[in-house]
Amino acid sequence: MLDHYKELQERYEFQMGPARGRMATALDILTDALALVGQHGVYCRSSRQPQFPAMDVRLILQQIQDSKGLIIEALAELKKQ
């Protein structure tokens, strides 16, 4: 499933350990998804507010950003331990 990120995951796991390495890989995957959805938002505009992406694109962007925030918080907490 994560063949595309296999090398990156192995590098992160070597540098940070298994749990933190997997979370760092997930963070990279979410960052890539955020970029792709952002690009889609350029073409998929709201009919009521053409200066903004469509509502579904905005919701997806927010969910990805929230997920990234949780992972960053968890990584910081693990680093303290």
PDB file of N, CA and C in Angstrom:
ATOM      1  N   MET A   1       0.818  -1.187   0.000  1.00  0.00           N
ATOM      2  CA  MET A   1       0.000   0.000   0.000  1.00  0.00           C
ATOM      3  C   MET A   1       0.866   1.257   0.000  1.00  0.00           C
ATOM      4  N   LEU A   2       1.927   1.256   0.739  1.00  0.00           N
ATOM      5  CA  LEU A   2       2.770   2.437   0.829  1.00  0.00           C
ATOM      6  C   LEU A   2       4.070   2.276   0.045  1.00  0.00           C
ATOM      7  N   ASP A   3       4.019   1.527  -1.043  1.00  0.00           N
ATOM      8  CA  ASP A   3       5.232   1.291  -1.831  1.00  0.00           C
ATOM      9  C   ASP A   3       5.887   2.595  -2.263  1.00  0.00           C
ATOM     10  N   HIS A   4       5.072   3.574  -2.598  1.00  0.00           N
ATOM     11  CA  HIS A   4       5.588   4.860  -3.061  1.00  0.00           C
ATOM     12  C   HIS A   4       6.409   5.553  -1.971  1.00  0.00           C
ATOM     13  N   TYR A   5       6.092   5.300  -0.724  1.00  0.00           N
ATOM     14  CA  TYR A   5       6.756   5.954   0.403  1.00  0.00           C
ATOM     15  C   TYR A   5       7.679   5.004   1.169  1.00  0.00           C
ATOM     16  N   LYS A   6       7.904   3.812   0.651  1.00  0.00           N
ATOM     17  CA  LYS A   6       8.674   2.784   1.358  1.00  0.00           C
ATOM     18  C   LYS A   6      10.076   3.263   1.724  1.00  0.00           C
ATOM     19  N   GLU A   7      10.787   3.826   0.764  1.00  0.00           N
ATOM     20  CA  GLU A   7      12.160   4.283   1.016  1.00  0.00           C
ATOM     21  C   GLU A   7      12.178   5.415   2.046  1.00  0.00           C
ATOM     22  N   LEU A   8      11.264   6.339   1.899  1.00  0.00           N
ATOM     23  CA  LEU A   8      11.164   7.450   2.839  1.00  0.00           C
ATOM     24  C   LEU A   8      10.839   6.937   4.247  1.00  0.00           C
ATOM     25  N   GLN A   9       9.909   5.997   4.338  1.00  0.00           N
ATOM     26  CA  GLN A   9       9.542   5.432   5.629  1.00  0.00           C
ATOM     27  C   GLN A   9      10.735   4.731   6.273  1.00  0.00           C
ATOM     28  N   GLU A  10      11.476   3.974   5.502  1.00  0.00           N
ATOM     29  CA  GLU A  10      12.644   3.284   6.048  1.00  0.00           C
ATOM     30  C   GLU A  10      13.668   4.284   6.585  1.00  0.00           C
ATOM     31  N   ARG A  11      13.870   5.374   5.857  1.00  0.00           N
ATOM     32  CA  ARG A  11      14.821   6.395   6.295  1.00  0.00           C
ATOM     33  C   ARG A  11      14.349   7.037   7.601  1.00  0.00           C
ATOM     34  N   TYR A  12      13.063   7.413   7.664  1.00  0.00           N
ATOM     35  CA  TYR A  12      12.522   8.016   8.879  1.00  0.00           C
ATOM     36  C   TYR A  12      12.586   7.052  10.065  1.00  0.00           C
ATOM     37  N   GLU A  13      12.245   5.779   9.836  1.00  0.00           N
ATOM     38  CA  GLU A  13      12.281   4.804  10.918  1.00  0.00           C
ATOM     39  C   GLU A  13      13.710   4.603  11.423  1.00  0.00           C
ATOM     40  N   PHE A  14      14.671   4.645  10.524  1.00  0.00           N
ATOM     41  CA  PHE A  14      16.074   4.529  10.933  1.00  0.00           C
ATOM     42  C   PHE A  14      16.498   5.735  11.766  1.00  0.00           C
ATOM     43  N   GLN A  15      16.058   6.925  11.353  1.00  0.00           N
ATOM     44  CA  GLN A  15      16.451   8.152  12.038  1.00  0.00           C
ATOM     45  C   GLN A  15      15.715   8.345  13.367  1.00  0.00           C
ATOM     46  N   MET A  16      14.427   7.986  13.412  1.00  0.00           N
ATOM     47  CA  MET A  16      13.591   8.345  14.558  1.00  0.00           C
ATOM     48  C   MET A  16      13.034   7.167  15.340  1.00  0.00           C
ATOM     49  N   GLY A  17      13.190   5.982  14.832  1.00  0.00           N
ATOM     50  CA  GLY A  17      12.565   4.813  15.445  1.00  0.00           C
ATOM     51  C   GLY A  17      11.270   4.481  14.729  1.00  0.00           C
ATOM     52  N   PRO A  18      10.745   3.276  14.956  1.00  0.00           N
ATOM     53  CA  PRO A  18       9.571   2.813  14.205  1.00  0.00           C
ATOM     54  C   PRO A  18       8.322   3.696  14.335  1.00  0.00           C
ATOM     55  N   ALA A  19       7.909   4.008  15.548  1.00  0.00           N
ATOM     56  CA  ALA A  19       6.653   4.754  15.730  1.00  0.00           C
ATOM     57  C   ALA A  19       6.764   6.173  15.181  1.00  0.00           C
ATOM     58  N   ARG A  20       7.795   6.879  15.574  1.00  0.00           N
ATOM     59  CA  ARG A  20       7.964   8.256  15.101  1.00  0.00           C
ATOM     60  C   ARG A  20       8.236   8.293  13.598  1.00  0.00           C
ATOM     61  N   GLY A  21       8.942   7.293  13.087  1.00  0.00           N
ATOM     62  CA  GLY A  21       9.213   7.236  11.649  1.00  0.00           C
ATOM     63  C   GLY A  21       7.945   7.057  10.832  1.00  0.00           C
ATOM     64  N   ARG A  22       7.045   6.226  11.330  1.00  0.00           N
ATOM     65  CA  ARG A  22       5.765   6.021  10.634  1.00  0.00           C
ATOM     66  C   ARG A  22       4.908   7.279  10.692  1.00  0.00           C
ATOM     67  N   MET A  23       4.943   7.961  11.823  1.00  0.00           N
ATOM     68  CA  MET A  23       4.166   9.199  11.941  1.00  0.00           C
ATOM     69  C   MET A  23       4.743  10.282  11.027  1.00  0.00           C
ATOM     70  N   ALA A  24       6.053  10.333  10.917  1.00  0.00           N
ATOM     71  CA  ALA A  24       6.678  11.299  10.012  1.00  0.00           C
ATOM     72  C   ALA A  24       6.320  10.983   8.560  1.00  0.00           C
ATOM     73  N   THR A  25       6.249   9.702   8.229  1.00  0.00           N
ATOM     74  CA  THR A  25       5.831   9.299   6.879  1.00  0.00           C
ATOM     75  C   THR A  25       4.384   9.706   6.636  1.00  0.00           C
ATOM     76  N   ALA A  26       3.526   9.483   7.621  1.00  0.00           N
ATOM     77  CA  ALA A  26       2.118   9.894   7.494  1.00  0.00           C
ATOM     78  C   ALA A  26       2.018  11.401   7.301  1.00  0.00           C
ATOM     79  N   LEU A  27       2.863  12.147   7.982  1.00  0.00           N
ATOM     80  CA  LEU A  27       2.873  13.596   7.839  1.00  0.00           C
ATOM     81  C   LEU A  27       3.263  13.993   6.414  1.00  0.00           C
ATOM     82  N   ASP A  28       4.227  13.306   5.841  1.00  0.00           N
ATOM     83  CA  ASP A  28       4.610  13.578   4.458  1.00  0.00           C
ATOM     84  C   ASP A  28       3.488  13.221   3.477  1.00  0.00           C
ATOM     85  N   ILE A  29       2.807  12.117   3.738  1.00  0.00           N
ATOM     86  CA  ILE A  29       1.691  11.716   2.872  1.00  0.00           C
ATOM     87  C   ILE A  29       0.585  12.766   2.936  1.00  0.00           C
ATOM     88  N   LEU A  30       0.268  13.235   4.132  1.00  0.00           N
ATOM     89  CA  LEU A  30      -0.759  14.270   4.274  1.00  0.00           C
ATOM     90  C   LEU A  30      -0.327  15.576   3.604  1.00  0.00           C
ATOM     91  N   THR A  31       0.948  15.902   3.692  1.00  0.00           N
ATOM     92  CA  THR A  31       1.448  17.110   3.031  1.00  0.00           C
ATOM     93  C   THR A  31       1.289  16.996   1.523  1.00  0.00           C
ATOM     94  N   ASP A  32       1.602  15.828   0.969  1.00  0.00           N
ATOM     95  CA  ASP A  32       1.413  15.616  -0.469  1.00  0.00           C
ATOM     96  C   ASP A  32      -0.064  15.709  -0.849  1.00  0.00           C
ATOM     97  N   ALA A  33      -0.932  15.123  -0.016  1.00  0.00           N
ATOM     98  CA  ALA A  33      -2.377  15.195  -0.282  1.00  0.00           C
ATOM     99  C   ALA A  33      -2.866  16.638  -0.209  1.00  0.00           C
ATOM    100  N   LEU A  34      -2.344  17.389   0.744  1.00  0.00           N
ATOM    101  CA  LEU A  34      -2.716  18.789   0.884  1.00  0.00           C
ATOM    102  C   LEU A  34      -2.345  19.578  -0.369  1.00  0.00           C
ATOM    103  N   ALA A  35      -1.175  19.313  -0.911  1.00  0.00           N
ATOM    104  CA  ALA A  35      -0.751  19.994  -2.134  1.00  0.00           C
ATOM    105  C   ALA A  35      -1.654  19.623  -3.316  1.00  0.00           C
ATOM    106  N   LEU A  36      -2.002  18.348  -3.421  1.00  0.00           N
ATOM    107  CA  LEU A  36      -2.865  17.915  -4.533  1.00  0.00           C
ATOM    108  C   LEU A  36      -4.267  18.512  -4.434  1.00  0.00           C
ATOM    109  N   VAL A  37      -4.821  18.523  -3.237  1.00  0.00           N
ATOM    110  CA  VAL A  37      -6.156  19.104  -3.053  1.00  0.00           C
ATOM    111  C   VAL A  37      -6.098  20.609  -3.301  1.00  0.00           C
ATOM    112  N   GLY A  38      -5.016  21.245  -2.866  1.00  0.00           N
ATOM    113  CA  GLY A  38      -4.855  22.677  -3.128  1.00  0.00           C
ATOM    114  C   GLY A  38      -4.816  22.988  -4.612  1.00  0.00           C
ATOM    115  N   GLN A  39      -4.126  22.142  -5.378  1.00  0.00           N
ATOM    116  CA  GLN A  39      -4.101  22.332  -6.831  1.00  0.00           C
ATOM    117  C   GLN A  39      -5.488  22.150  -7.426  1.00  0.00           C
ATOM    118  N   HIS A  40      -6.209  21.167  -6.922  1.00  0.00           N
ATOM    119  CA  HIS A  40      -7.571  20.936  -7.404  1.00  0.00           C
ATOM    120  C   HIS A  40      -8.460  22.137  -7.083  1.00  0.00           C
ATOM    121  N   GLY A  41      -8.233  22.746  -5.933  1.00  0.00           N
ATOM    122  CA  GLY A  41      -9.017  23.902  -5.529  1.00  0.00           C
ATOM    123  C   GLY A  41      -8.862  25.093  -6.447  1.00  0.00           C
ATOM    124  N   VAL A  42      -7.760  25.157  -7.167  1.00  0.00           N
ATOM    125  CA  VAL A  42      -7.552  26.238  -8.128  1.00  0.00           C
ATOM    126  C   VAL A  42      -8.574  26.144  -9.261  1.00  0.00           C
ATOM    127  N   TYR A  43      -8.914  24.922  -9.645  1.00  0.00           N
ATOM    128  CA  TYR A  43      -9.825  24.718 -10.775  1.00  0.00           C
ATOM    129  C   TYR A  43     -11.271  24.511 -10.347  1.00  0.00           C
ATOM    130  N   CYS A  44     -11.480  24.100  -9.125  1.00  0.00           N
ATOM    131  CA  CYS A  44     -12.826  23.797  -8.633  1.00  0.00           C
ATOM    132  C   CYS A  44     -13.262  24.930  -7.706  1.00  0.00           C
ATOM    133  N   ARG A  45     -13.892  25.931  -8.270  1.00  0.00           N
ATOM    134  CA  ARG A  45     -14.271  27.138  -7.531  1.00  0.00           C
ATOM    135  C   ARG A  45     -15.733  27.127  -7.127  1.00  0.00           C
ATOM    136  N   SER A  46     -16.016  27.830  -6.047  1.00  0.00           N
ATOM    137  CA  SER A  46     -17.377  27.984  -5.565  1.00  0.00           C
ATOM    138  C   SER A  46     -18.149  28.883  -6.529  1.00  0.00           C
ATOM    139  N   SER A  47     -19.378  28.522  -6.832  1.00  0.00           N
ATOM    140  CA  SER A  47     -20.185  29.365  -7.723  1.00  0.00           C
ATOM    141  C   SER A  47     -20.652  30.636  -7.003  1.00  0.00           C
ATOM    142  N   ARG A  48     -20.848  30.550  -5.696  1.00  0.00           N
ATOM    143  CA  ARG A  48     -21.277  31.728  -4.930  1.00  0.00           C
ATOM    144  C   ARG A  48     -20.122  32.658  -4.602  1.00  0.00           C
ATOM    145  N   GLN A  49     -18.960  32.077  -4.349  1.00  0.00           N
ATOM    146  CA  GLN A  49     -17.778  32.867  -4.000  1.00  0.00           C
ATOM    147  C   GLN A  49     -16.604  32.405  -4.875  1.00  0.00           C
ATOM    148  N   PRO A  50     -16.504  32.929  -6.078  1.00  0.00           N
ATOM    149  CA  PRO A  50     -15.486  32.430  -7.010  1.00  0.00           C
ATOM    150  C   PRO A  50     -14.041  32.636  -6.552  1.00  0.00           C
ATOM    151  N   GLN A  51     -13.825  33.490  -5.561  1.00  0.00           N
ATOM    152  CA  GLN A  51     -12.470  33.706  -5.064  1.00  0.00           C
ATOM    153  C   GLN A  51     -12.008  32.568  -4.147  1.00  0.00           C
ATOM    154  N   PHE A  52     -12.939  31.667  -3.755  1.00  0.00           N
ATOM    155  CA  PHE A  52     -12.631  30.557  -2.861  1.00  0.00           C
ATOM    156  C   PHE A  52     -12.834  29.226  -3.573  1.00  0.00           C
ATOM    157  N   PRO A  53     -12.110  28.193  -3.129  1.00  0.00           N
ATOM    158  CA  PRO A  53     -12.389  26.845  -3.652  1.00  0.00           C
ATOM    159  C   PRO A  53     -13.790  26.400  -3.243  1.00  0.00           C
ATOM    160  N   ALA A  54     -14.302  25.379  -3.901  1.00  0.00           N
ATOM    161  CA  ALA A  54     -15.610  24.826  -3.552  1.00  0.00           C
ATOM    162  C   ALA A  54     -15.602  24.369  -2.098  1.00  0.00           C
ATOM    163  N   MET A  55     -16.774  24.338  -1.502  1.00  0.00           N
ATOM    164  CA  MET A  55     -16.892  24.015  -0.078  1.00  0.00           C
ATOM    165  C   MET A  55     -16.294  22.644   0.246  1.00  0.00           C
ATOM    166  N   ASP A  56     -16.527  21.644  -0.602  1.00  0.00           N
ATOM    167  CA  ASP A  56     -15.981  20.318  -0.300  1.00  0.00           C
ATOM    168  C   ASP A  56     -14.455  20.340  -0.302  1.00  0.00           C
ATOM    169  N   VAL A  57     -13.860  21.108  -1.199  1.00  0.00           N
ATOM    170  CA  VAL A  57     -12.402  21.223  -1.241  1.00  0.00           C
ATOM    171  C   VAL A  57     -11.902  21.924   0.020  1.00  0.00           C
ATOM    172  N   ARG A  58     -12.605  22.964   0.452  1.00  0.00           N
ATOM    173  CA  ARG A  58     -12.215  23.663   1.683  1.00  0.00           C
ATOM    174  C   ARG A  58     -12.297  22.741   2.898  1.00  0.00           C
ATOM    175  N   LEU A  59     -13.341  21.915   2.947  1.00  0.00           N
ATOM    176  CA  LEU A  59     -13.493  20.983   4.066  1.00  0.00           C
ATOM    177  C   LEU A  59     -12.378  19.936   4.079  1.00  0.00           C
ATOM    178  N   ILE A  60     -12.043  19.433   2.902  1.00  0.00           N
ATOM    179  CA  ILE A  60     -10.951  18.457   2.808  1.00  0.00           C
ATOM    180  C   ILE A  60      -9.634  19.087   3.233  1.00  0.00           C
ATOM    181  N   LEU A  61      -9.375  20.300   2.778  1.00  0.00           N
ATOM    182  CA  LEU A  61      -8.155  20.999   3.171  1.00  0.00           C
ATOM    183  C   LEU A  61      -8.088  21.160   4.687  1.00  0.00           C
ATOM    184  N   GLN A  62      -9.193  21.528   5.310  1.00  0.00           N
ATOM    185  CA  GLN A  62      -9.224  21.713   6.757  1.00  0.00           C
ATOM    186  C   GLN A  62      -8.990  20.400   7.495  1.00  0.00           C
ATOM    187  N   GLN A  63      -9.610  19.325   7.014  1.00  0.00           N
ATOM    188  CA  GLN A  63      -9.426  18.022   7.661  1.00  0.00           C
ATOM    189  C   GLN A  63      -7.966  17.565   7.583  1.00  0.00           C
ATOM    190  N   ILE A  64      -7.340  17.770   6.441  1.00  0.00           N
ATOM    191  CA  ILE A  64      -5.932  17.381   6.298  1.00  0.00           C
ATOM    192  C   ILE A  64      -5.058  18.234   7.206  1.00  0.00           C
ATOM    193  N   GLN A  65      -5.312  19.525   7.254  1.00  0.00           N
ATOM    194  CA  GLN A  65      -4.530  20.395   8.134  1.00  0.00           C
ATOM    195  C   GLN A  65      -4.713  20.014   9.598  1.00  0.00           C
ATOM    196  N   ASP A  66      -5.932  19.680  10.000  1.00  0.00           N
ATOM    197  CA  ASP A  66      -6.183  19.255  11.373  1.00  0.00           C
ATOM    198  C   ASP A  66      -5.441  17.950  11.687  1.00  0.00           C
ATOM    199  N   SER A  67      -5.453  17.018  10.742  1.00  0.00           N
ATOM    200  CA  SER A  67      -4.750  15.745  10.925  1.00  0.00           C
ATOM    201  C   SER A  67      -3.249  15.968  11.061  1.00  0.00           C
ATOM    202  N   LYS A  68      -2.711  16.840  10.240  1.00  0.00           N
ATOM    203  CA  LYS A  68      -1.288  17.157  10.336  1.00  0.00           C
ATOM    204  C   LYS A  68      -0.968  17.761  11.700  1.00  0.00           C
ATOM    205  N   GLY A  69      -1.830  18.630  12.196  1.00  0.00           N
ATOM    206  CA  GLY A  69      -1.623  19.231  13.503  1.00  0.00           C
ATOM    207  C   GLY A  69      -1.576  18.192  14.615  1.00  0.00           C
ATOM    208  N   LEU A  70      -2.468  17.208  14.563  1.00  0.00           N
ATOM    209  CA  LEU A  70      -2.474  16.140  15.561  1.00  0.00           C
ATOM    210  C   LEU A  70      -1.192  15.318  15.515  1.00  0.00           C
ATOM    211  N   ILE A  71      -0.738  15.013  14.310  1.00  0.00           N
ATOM    212  CA  ILE A  71       0.489  14.229  14.174  1.00  0.00           C
ATOM    213  C   ILE A  71       1.681  15.020  14.697  1.00  0.00           C
ATOM    214  N   ILE A  72       1.736  16.303  14.389  1.00  0.00           N
ATOM    215  CA  ILE A  72       2.830  17.141  14.876  1.00  0.00           C
ATOM    216  C   ILE A  72       2.823  17.189  16.403  1.00  0.00           C
ATOM    217  N   GLU A  73       1.650  17.318  17.008  1.00  0.00           N
ATOM    218  CA  GLU A  73       1.543  17.308  18.464  1.00  0.00           C
ATOM    219  C   GLU A  73       1.997  15.965  19.050  1.00  0.00           C
ATOM    220  N   ALA A  74       1.597  14.871  18.413  1.00  0.00           N
ATOM    221  CA  ALA A  74       1.994  13.546  18.897  1.00  0.00           C
ATOM    222  C   ALA A  74       3.504  13.349  18.775  1.00  0.00           C
ATOM    223  N   LEU A  75       4.085  13.806  17.682  1.00  0.00           N
ATOM    224  CA  LEU A  75       5.534  13.693  17.516  1.00  0.00           C
ATOM    225  C   LEU A  75       6.265  14.517  18.584  1.00  0.00           C
ATOM    226  N   ALA A  76       5.759  15.690  18.888  1.00  0.00           N
ATOM    227  CA  ALA A  76       6.372  16.522  19.925  1.00  0.00           C
ATOM    228  C   ALA A  76       6.266  15.836  21.291  1.00  0.00           C
ATOM    229  N   GLU A  77       5.127  15.218  21.552  1.00  0.00           N
ATOM    230  CA  GLU A  77       4.938  14.513  22.820  1.00  0.00           C
ATOM    231  C   GLU A  77       5.882  13.310  22.927  1.00  0.00           C
ATOM    232  N   LEU A  78       6.037  12.578  21.843  1.00  0.00           N
ATOM    233  CA  LEU A  78       6.955  11.444  21.841  1.00  0.00           C
ATOM    234  C   LEU A  78       8.397  11.897  22.037  1.00  0.00           C
ATOM    235  N   LYS A  79       8.726  13.056  21.491  1.00  0.00           N
ATOM    236  CA  LYS A  79      10.083  13.561  21.622  1.00  0.00           C
ATOM    237  C   LYS A  79      10.405  13.904  23.080  1.00  0.00           C
ATOM    238  N   LYS A  80       9.403  14.358  23.838  1.00  0.00           N
ATOM    239  CA  LYS A  80       9.594  14.672  25.245  1.00  0.00           C
ATOM    240  C   LYS A  80       9.924  13.424  26.065  1.00  0.00           C
ATOM    241  N   GLN A  81       9.357  12.283  25.664  1.00  0.00           N
ATOM    242  CA  GLN A  81       9.508  11.036  26.434  1.00  0.00           C
ATOM    243  C   GLN A  81      10.839  10.420  26.253  1.00  0.00           C
TER     244      GLN A  81
END
